[in-house]
């Protein structure tokens, strides 16, 4: 079960990376441990240098997210 979940999660991260591949800067924030995994994957894709900040934050509304960014 864990391997299946990891496979799905890996595909999800790959889709996220494809969608932000052209970004000049990347700000990663949110609760939990996914931030670190995404940071590692971005480093493997040679996009780690574009990360400007990583922050742990609690659940946020869309307006709070827009204001933070």
C-alpha atoms as a PDB file:
ATOM      1  CA  UNK A   1       0.000   0.000   0.000  1.00  0.00           C
ATOM      2  CA  UNK A   2       2.846   2.390   0.866  1.00  0.00           C
ATOM      3  CA  UNK A   3       4.573   1.730  -2.468  1.00  0.00           C
ATOM      4  CA  UNK A   4       1.353   2.484  -4.349  1.00  0.00           C
ATOM      5  CA  UNK A   5       0.909   5.740  -2.420  1.00  0.00           C
ATOM      6  CA  UNK A   6       4.540   6.720  -3.030  1.00  0.00           C
ATOM      7  CA  UNK A   7       4.093   6.078  -6.745  1.00  0.00           C
ATOM      8  CA  UNK A   8       1.025   8.319  -6.889  1.00  0.00           C
ATOM      9  CA  UNK A   9       2.770  10.988  -4.844  1.00  0.00           C
ATOM     10  CA  UNK A  10       5.781  10.888  -7.162  1.00  0.00           C
ATOM     11  CA  UNK A  11       3.539  11.402 -10.185  1.00  0.00           C
ATOM     12  CA  UNK A  12       1.853  14.310  -8.417  1.00  0.00           C
ATOM     13  CA  UNK A  13       5.188  15.999  -7.680  1.00  0.00           C
ATOM     14  CA  UNK A  14       6.257  15.497 -11.303  1.00  0.00           C
ATOM     15  CA  UNK A  15       3.066  17.247 -12.486  1.00  0.00           C
ATOM     16  CA  UNK A  16       3.666  20.114 -10.076  1.00  0.00           C
ATOM     17  CA  UNK A  17       7.248  20.477 -11.305  1.00  0.00           C
ATOM     18  CA  UNK A  18       6.095  20.489 -14.937  1.00  0.00           C
ATOM     19  CA  UNK A  19       3.642  23.285 -14.171  1.00  0.00           C
ATOM     20  CA  UNK A  20       6.252  25.478 -12.423  1.00  0.00           C
ATOM     21  CA  UNK A  21       9.209  24.636 -14.646  1.00  0.00           C
ATOM     22  CA  UNK A  22       9.300  28.099 -16.249  1.00  0.00           C
ATOM     23  CA  UNK A  23       9.031  30.002 -12.962  1.00  0.00           C
ATOM     24  CA  UNK A  24      11.871  32.403 -12.178  1.00  0.00           C
ATOM     25  CA  UNK A  25      11.374  31.991  -8.441  1.00  0.00           C
ATOM     26  CA  UNK A  26       9.621  29.388  -6.317  1.00  0.00           C
ATOM     27  CA  UNK A  27       8.108  29.950  -2.858  1.00  0.00           C
ATOM     28  CA  UNK A  28       7.127  26.706  -1.129  1.00  0.00           C
ATOM     29  CA  UNK A  29       4.810  26.890   1.863  1.00  0.00           C
ATOM     30  CA  UNK A  30       2.248  24.789   3.648  1.00  0.00           C
ATOM     31  CA  UNK A  31       1.778  22.375   6.526  1.00  0.00           C
ATOM     32  CA  UNK A  32       3.421  18.992   6.805  1.00  0.00           C
ATOM     33  CA  UNK A  33       6.463  17.383   5.250  1.00  0.00           C
ATOM     34  CA  UNK A  34       5.627  17.635   1.548  1.00  0.00           C
ATOM     35  CA  UNK A  35       7.605  20.877   1.297  1.00  0.00           C
ATOM     36  CA  UNK A  36      10.865  19.034   1.901  1.00  0.00           C
ATOM     37  CA  UNK A  37      10.074  16.316  -0.602  1.00  0.00           C
ATOM     38  CA  UNK A  38       9.183  18.885  -3.255  1.00  0.00           C
ATOM     39  CA  UNK A  39      12.400  20.768  -2.496  1.00  0.00           C
ATOM     40  CA  UNK A  40      14.433  17.563  -3.005  1.00  0.00           C
ATOM     41  CA  UNK A  41      12.683  16.787  -6.285  1.00  0.00           C
ATOM     42  CA  UNK A  42      13.233  20.335  -7.536  1.00  0.00           C
ATOM     43  CA  UNK A  43      16.921  19.939  -6.710  1.00  0.00           C
ATOM     44  CA  UNK A  44      17.102  16.722  -8.731  1.00  0.00           C
ATOM     45  CA  UNK A  45      15.515  18.544 -11.683  1.00  0.00           C
ATOM     46  CA  UNK A  46      18.090  21.363 -11.284  1.00  0.00           C
ATOM     47  CA  UNK A  47      15.382  23.821 -10.252  1.00  0.00           C
ATOM     48  CA  UNK A  48      16.480  24.051  -6.608  1.00  0.00           C
ATOM     49  CA  UNK A  49      18.309  27.317  -7.255  1.00  0.00           C
ATOM     50  CA  UNK A  50      14.983  28.985  -8.030  1.00  0.00           C
ATOM     51  CA  UNK A  51      13.597  28.334  -4.537  1.00  0.00           C
ATOM     52  CA  UNK A  52      13.499  31.668  -2.708  1.00  0.00           C
ATOM     53  CA  UNK A  53      11.865  30.486   0.530  1.00  0.00           C
ATOM     54  CA  UNK A  54      10.300  27.531   2.287  1.00  0.00           C
ATOM     55  CA  UNK A  55       7.873  28.188   5.146  1.00  0.00           C
ATOM     56  CA  UNK A  56       5.678  26.077   7.366  1.00  0.00           C
ATOM     57  CA  UNK A  57       2.192  27.544   7.641  1.00  0.00           C
ATOM     58  CA  UNK A  58      -1.171  26.290   8.856  1.00  0.00           C
ATOM     59  CA  UNK A  59      -4.246  25.925   6.677  1.00  0.00           C
ATOM     60  CA  UNK A  60      -4.897  29.128   4.710  1.00  0.00           C
ATOM     61  CA  UNK A  61      -7.781  30.580   2.709  1.00  0.00           C
ATOM     62  CA  UNK A  62      -7.322  31.497  -0.950  1.00  0.00           C
ATOM     63  CA  UNK A  63      -7.156  35.178   0.044  1.00  0.00           C
ATOM     64  CA  UNK A  64      -4.456  34.480   2.631  1.00  0.00           C
ATOM     65  CA  UNK A  65      -2.440  32.525   0.068  1.00  0.00           C
ATOM     66  CA  UNK A  66      -2.693  35.342  -2.479  1.00  0.00           C
ATOM     67  CA  UNK A  67      -1.649  37.928   0.120  1.00  0.00           C
ATOM     68  CA  UNK A  68       1.370  35.808   1.186  1.00  0.00           C
ATOM     69  CA  UNK A  69       2.578  35.329  -2.370  1.00  0.00           C
END
